[in-house]
C-alpha cells in the first residue's frame, strides 16, 4: 500500500509472509533509507538493503512489514515516483492531491469511509501528482450516498485519464521536440552511452558501465522510453535499448 499524505509525502508499506532463514523482499518504490522500518509480527527486526531489495533474517515463520517514505522527484511543481513491481498495489489519495497520471493497469477505484480515493492497480508505472490547498479541496464525502461516492471516484478517474491522454497527444505532436528539461544527469549519461555503442546496447552492459543500482537504471530507461528517446526490446534474459532520437 502507498499513501500520499496531504503534504505530498508518499508512505510505502509492504506486508508479506516470512519463513525461517534468509528472506528477500523487493522494494516496489525506491526508498529513503533513513526512514525505513522493518518488523516481524509487530517486533522490530534488523534488515539489510541491497539493490533495491530488503534482506530479512528470521528465526520463525510469520508476517513481515516493511515501511518507508518513497524517494520521489519534483519537476516543475509536479511530484513523480516509479512503482516498479508487477504485483497488485493500492494507492490512497486524499482530496487535496491531484493525480496527473493514471496507472494503465487499473483494477478498481473507490472512495473509502475516510473520504480518500483508493486506486487498486498493477505496475510497473509512474505515479505523478500535484499538491493542492486544503481550503480548495471538496469536503470529505463520508456522509454522501453510495451513488454519489461512485460518481466521485469516476469523476476523479476521468480527470486523471484526460490529463494523461492530453500529455500523450502532446508528446506525439512534439515528436523529436520533447524538451531535454525532462532529462536529468543519469538520463543524459544513458543516452550518451547508447550513442557510443552505435545506437543500441543491452541493459546489462549499461549496468556495468554506469555502476548504478539495477532498479535505478531500469526506472530511467523506462522514463526515456515513455519520452520517446529509446525503444526497449526483450532479448533472452536481457533487454536491448535502442536509441530513437
Protein backbone atom coordinates (compact mmCIF):
# COMPACT_ATOMS: atom_id res chain seq x y z
CA UNK A 1 0.00 0.00 0.00
CA UNK A 2 1.13 3.52 -0.85
CA UNK A 3 -0.41 6.50 0.90
CA UNK A 4 0.09 10.09 -0.25
CA UNK A 5 -0.42 12.43 2.70
CA UNK A 6 -1.77 15.99 2.46
CA UNK A 7 1.78 17.38 2.11
CA UNK A 8 2.62 15.11 -0.82
CA UNK A 9 4.81 12.71 1.17
CA UNK A 10 4.45 9.12 -0.10
CA UNK A 11 4.39 6.46 2.61
CA UNK A 12 5.02 2.88 1.41
CA UNK A 13 4.06 -0.25 3.37
CA UNK A 14 4.80 -3.82 2.23
CA UNK A 15 3.41 -6.81 4.14
CA UNK A 16 4.36 -10.40 3.31
CA UNK A 17 4.77 -13.81 4.89
CA UNK A 18 8.23 -14.72 6.15
CA UNK A 19 9.94 -18.07 6.72
CA UNK A 20 12.85 -19.10 8.96
CA UNK A 21 16.17 -18.21 7.34
CA UNK A 22 17.08 -15.55 4.81
CA UNK A 23 14.18 -13.74 3.11
CA UNK A 24 14.43 -11.29 0.21
CA UNK A 25 11.76 -8.66 -0.46
CA UNK A 26 11.64 -6.21 -3.37
CA UNK A 27 11.10 -2.52 -2.66
CA UNK A 28 8.32 -1.64 -5.13
CA UNK A 29 9.24 2.05 -4.84
CA UNK A 30 12.76 3.38 -4.24
CA UNK A 31 13.05 4.16 -0.51
CA UNK A 32 14.62 6.92 1.54
CA UNK A 33 16.70 4.51 3.61
CA UNK A 34 16.81 6.66 6.76
CA UNK A 35 13.02 6.29 7.05
CA UNK A 36 12.86 2.50 6.68
CA UNK A 37 11.40 0.34 9.44
CA UNK A 38 11.13 -3.47 9.42
CA UNK A 39 9.09 -5.54 11.87
CA UNK A 40 8.14 -9.22 12.21
CA UNK A 41 4.73 -9.78 13.80
CA UNK A 42 4.97 -6.28 15.31
CA UNK A 43 8.52 -6.67 16.69
CA UNK A 44 11.26 -4.51 15.19
CA UNK A 45 13.76 -6.56 13.20
CA UNK A 46 17.20 -5.87 11.65
CA UNK A 47 17.43 -5.79 7.87
CA UNK A 48 19.86 -5.22 5.02
CA UNK A 49 19.08 -3.06 1.97
CA UNK A 50 20.78 -4.21 -1.22
CA UNK A 51 19.99 -3.46 -4.89
CA UNK A 52 16.60 -2.01 -4.01
CA UNK A 53 15.68 -5.13 -2.03
CA UNK A 54 15.41 -5.77 1.70
CA UNK A 55 17.07 -8.86 3.21
CA UNK A 56 15.48 -10.03 6.46
CA UNK A 57 16.79 -12.94 8.56
CA UNK A 58 14.16 -14.61 10.71
CA UNK A 59 14.14 -17.48 13.21
CA UNK A 60 10.42 -18.13 12.79
CA UNK A 61 7.52 -18.02 10.38
CA UNK A 62 5.21 -15.04 10.49
CA UNK A 63 4.50 -11.76 8.74
CA UNK A 64 6.97 -9.01 7.98
CA UNK A 65 6.05 -5.35 7.45
CA UNK A 66 8.45 -3.02 5.65
CA UNK A 67 7.58 0.69 5.87
CA UNK A 68 9.36 3.74 4.47
CA UNK A 69 8.99 7.08 2.71
CA UNK A 70 9.34 6.90 -1.08
CA UNK A 71 12.19 8.70 -2.80
CA UNK A 72 10.09 10.88 -5.12
CA UNK A 73 11.27 13.57 -7.52
CA UNK A 74 9.86 17.04 -8.19
CA UNK A 75 9.79 18.65 -11.64
CA UNK A 76 8.01 21.97 -12.31
CA UNK A 77 5.90 21.59 -9.17
CA UNK A 78 4.82 18.05 -10.09
CA UNK A 79 5.83 15.08 -7.91
CA UNK A 80 6.72 11.72 -9.50
CA UNK A 81 7.63 8.28 -8.24
CA UNK A 82 8.14 4.97 -10.02
CA UNK A 83 6.27 1.83 -8.95
CA UNK A 84 8.49 -0.91 -10.33
CA UNK A 85 6.66 -4.07 -9.26
CA UNK A 86 4.17 -6.11 -11.31
CA UNK A 87 2.26 -7.03 -8.15
CA UNK A 88 -1.12 -5.51 -7.29
CA UNK A 89 -0.96 -2.42 -5.08
CA UNK A 90 -3.31 0.11 -3.50
CA UNK A 91 -2.74 3.86 -3.76
CA UNK A 92 -4.52 6.07 -1.20
CA UNK A 93 -5.09 9.66 -2.34
CA UNK A 94 -6.53 12.44 -0.10
CA UNK A 95 -8.87 15.10 -1.58
CA UNK A 96 -6.20 17.82 -1.88
CA UNK A 97 -3.88 15.63 -4.00
CA UNK A 98 -4.47 15.95 -7.75
CA UNK A 99 -3.28 12.97 -9.78
CA UNK A 100 -1.79 13.90 -13.16
CA UNK A 101 -1.17 10.35 -14.37
CA UNK A 102 -3.23 7.19 -14.12
CA UNK A 103 -1.89 3.60 -13.90
CA UNK A 104 -2.62 1.82 -17.18
CA UNK A 105 -3.41 -1.49 -15.42
CA UNK A 106 -6.15 -0.13 -13.18
CA UNK A 107 -8.12 -2.88 -11.39
CA UNK A 108 -10.67 -0.80 -9.48
CA UNK A 109 -11.26 2.55 -7.78
CA UNK A 110 -13.44 3.62 -4.89
CA UNK A 111 -13.77 6.23 -2.15
CA UNK A 112 -13.26 4.96 1.41
CA UNK A 113 -15.10 5.91 4.56
CA UNK A 114 -12.36 8.47 5.26
CA UNK A 115 -13.13 10.33 2.00
CA UNK A 116 -9.84 9.31 0.38
CA UNK A 117 -9.71 7.90 -3.13
CA UNK A 118 -8.28 4.39 -3.43
CA UNK A 119 -6.85 3.03 -6.66
CA UNK A 120 -6.04 -0.68 -6.98
CA UNK A 121 -3.64 -1.33 -9.87
CA UNK A 122 -0.73 -3.35 -11.20
CA UNK A 123 2.63 -1.94 -12.28
CA UNK A 124 5.10 -1.06 -13.39
CA UNK A 125 4.11 2.58 -13.85
CA UNK A 126 4.90 6.17 -12.92
CA UNK A 127 2.60 7.97 -10.48
CA UNK A 128 2.51 11.76 -10.83
CA UNK A 129 0.58 14.33 -8.81
CA UNK A 130 0.47 17.89 -7.52
CA UNK A 131 -0.45 19.11 -4.05
CA UNK A 132 -3.49 21.37 -3.84
CA UNK A 133 -4.61 23.62 -1.00
CA UNK A 134 -6.81 22.09 1.65
CA UNK A 135 -9.00 25.19 1.57
CA UNK A 136 -9.84 24.47 -2.07
CA UNK A 137 -10.48 20.77 -1.62
CA UNK A 138 -14.04 19.39 -1.56
CA UNK A 139 -15.40 18.20 1.77
CA UNK A 140 -14.80 14.54 2.55
CA UNK A 141 -17.85 12.70 1.16
CA UNK A 142 -18.25 10.27 4.07
CA UNK A 143 -21.89 11.25 4.64
CA UNK A 144 -22.89 11.14 0.97
CA UNK A 145 -25.00 8.35 -0.53
CA UNK A 146 -23.22 5.44 -2.28
CA UNK A 147 -24.28 6.65 -5.73
CA UNK A 148 -22.52 9.97 -5.14
CA UNK A 149 -19.42 8.24 -3.84
CA UNK A 150 -19.27 6.21 -7.04
CA UNK A 151 -19.62 9.38 -9.12
CA UNK A 152 -16.84 11.00 -7.05
CA UNK A 153 -14.49 8.14 -7.87
CA UNK A 154 -15.46 8.03 -11.56
CA UNK A 155 -15.03 11.80 -11.90
CA UNK A 156 -11.58 11.69 -10.31
CA UNK A 157 -10.52 8.90 -12.66
CA UNK A 158 -11.94 10.71 -15.69
CA UNK A 159 -9.97 13.88 -14.91
CA UNK A 160 -6.76 11.92 -14.44
CA UNK A 161 -7.37 9.95 -17.64
CA UNK A 162 -7.98 13.13 -19.66
CA UNK A 163 -4.76 14.67 -18.34
CA UNK A 164 -2.84 11.52 -19.26
CA UNK A 165 -4.34 11.41 -22.76
CA UNK A 166 -3.61 15.10 -23.30
CA UNK A 167 0.02 14.55 -22.36
CA UNK A 168 0.39 11.59 -24.69
CA UNK A 169 -1.16 13.57 -27.52
CA UNK A 170 1.17 16.49 -26.85
CA UNK A 171 4.17 14.21 -26.97
CA UNK A 172 3.07 12.75 -30.30
CA UNK A 173 2.68 16.25 -31.75
CA UNK A 174 6.04 17.45 -30.47
CA UNK A 175 7.82 14.32 -31.69
CA UNK A 176 11.53 14.98 -31.52
CA UNK A 177 10.93 18.40 -29.96
CA UNK A 178 10.41 16.99 -26.46
CA UNK A 179 12.40 19.29 -24.18
CA UNK A 180 15.61 17.98 -22.65
CA UNK A 181 14.48 19.74 -19.47
CA UNK A 182 12.76 16.45 -18.63
CA UNK A 183 16.11 14.67 -18.57
CA UNK A 184 18.39 14.54 -15.55
CA UNK A 185 22.11 13.73 -15.44
CA UNK A 186 21.57 9.96 -15.35
CA UNK A 187 19.16 10.12 -18.33
CA UNK A 188 21.72 12.03 -20.40
CA UNK A 189 24.53 9.65 -19.42
CA UNK A 190 22.41 6.66 -20.51
CA UNK A 191 21.73 8.29 -23.90
CA UNK A 192 25.42 9.11 -24.35
CA UNK A 193 26.44 5.51 -23.57
CA UNK A 194 23.95 4.18 -26.11
CA UNK A 195 25.34 6.56 -28.75
CA UNK A 196 28.88 5.34 -28.02
CA UNK A 197 27.71 1.77 -28.67
CA UNK A 198 26.39 2.71 -32.10
CA UNK A 199 22.79 3.45 -31.16
CA UNK A 200 21.85 0.28 -29.28
CA UNK A 201 23.15 -1.74 -26.33
CA UNK A 202 21.94 -4.43 -23.94
CA UNK A 203 20.92 -3.25 -20.50
CA UNK A 204 23.46 -5.45 -18.67
CA UNK A 205 26.30 -3.53 -20.35
CA UNK A 206 24.75 -0.20 -19.32
CA UNK A 207 24.54 -1.51 -15.75
CA UNK A 208 28.25 -2.43 -15.71
CA UNK A 209 29.40 0.83 -17.30
CA UNK A 210 27.22 3.22 -15.28
CA UNK A 211 27.69 1.45 -11.93
CA UNK A 212 24.23 2.36 -10.59
CA UNK A 213 21.58 0.08 -8.98
CA UNK A 214 19.67 -2.07 -11.44
CA UNK A 215 16.33 -0.69 -10.26
CA UNK A 216 17.54 2.89 -10.74
CA UNK A 217 18.80 2.09 -14.25
CA UNK A 218 15.51 0.39 -15.19
CA UNK A 219 13.47 3.33 -13.90
CA UNK A 220 15.47 5.79 -16.04
CA UNK A 221 15.32 3.52 -19.11
CA UNK A 222 11.53 3.28 -18.79
CA UNK A 223 11.25 7.05 -18.46
CA UNK A 224 13.35 7.54 -21.60
CA UNK A 225 11.11 5.02 -23.35
CA UNK A 226 7.98 6.93 -22.35
CA UNK A 227 9.50 10.21 -23.54
CA UNK A 228 10.25 8.63 -26.92
CA UNK A 229 14.04 8.66 -26.70
CA UNK A 230 14.60 4.89 -26.71
CA UNK A 231 12.87 1.60 -27.51
CA UNK A 232 13.25 -1.43 -25.25
CA UNK A 233 13.23 -4.96 -26.67
CA UNK A 234 13.43 -8.19 -24.69
CA UNK A 235 16.35 -10.40 -25.82
CA UNK A 236 16.62 -13.65 -23.88
CA UNK A 237 17.11 -12.70 -20.23
CA UNK A 238 18.28 -9.17 -21.06
CA UNK A 239 16.84 -6.01 -22.63
CA UNK A 240 18.17 -4.29 -25.73
CA UNK A 241 17.89 -0.49 -25.51
CA UNK A 242 17.81 1.23 -28.89
CA UNK A 243 18.20 4.96 -29.46
CA UNK A 244 15.31 6.58 -31.37
CA UNK A 245 16.49 10.21 -31.47
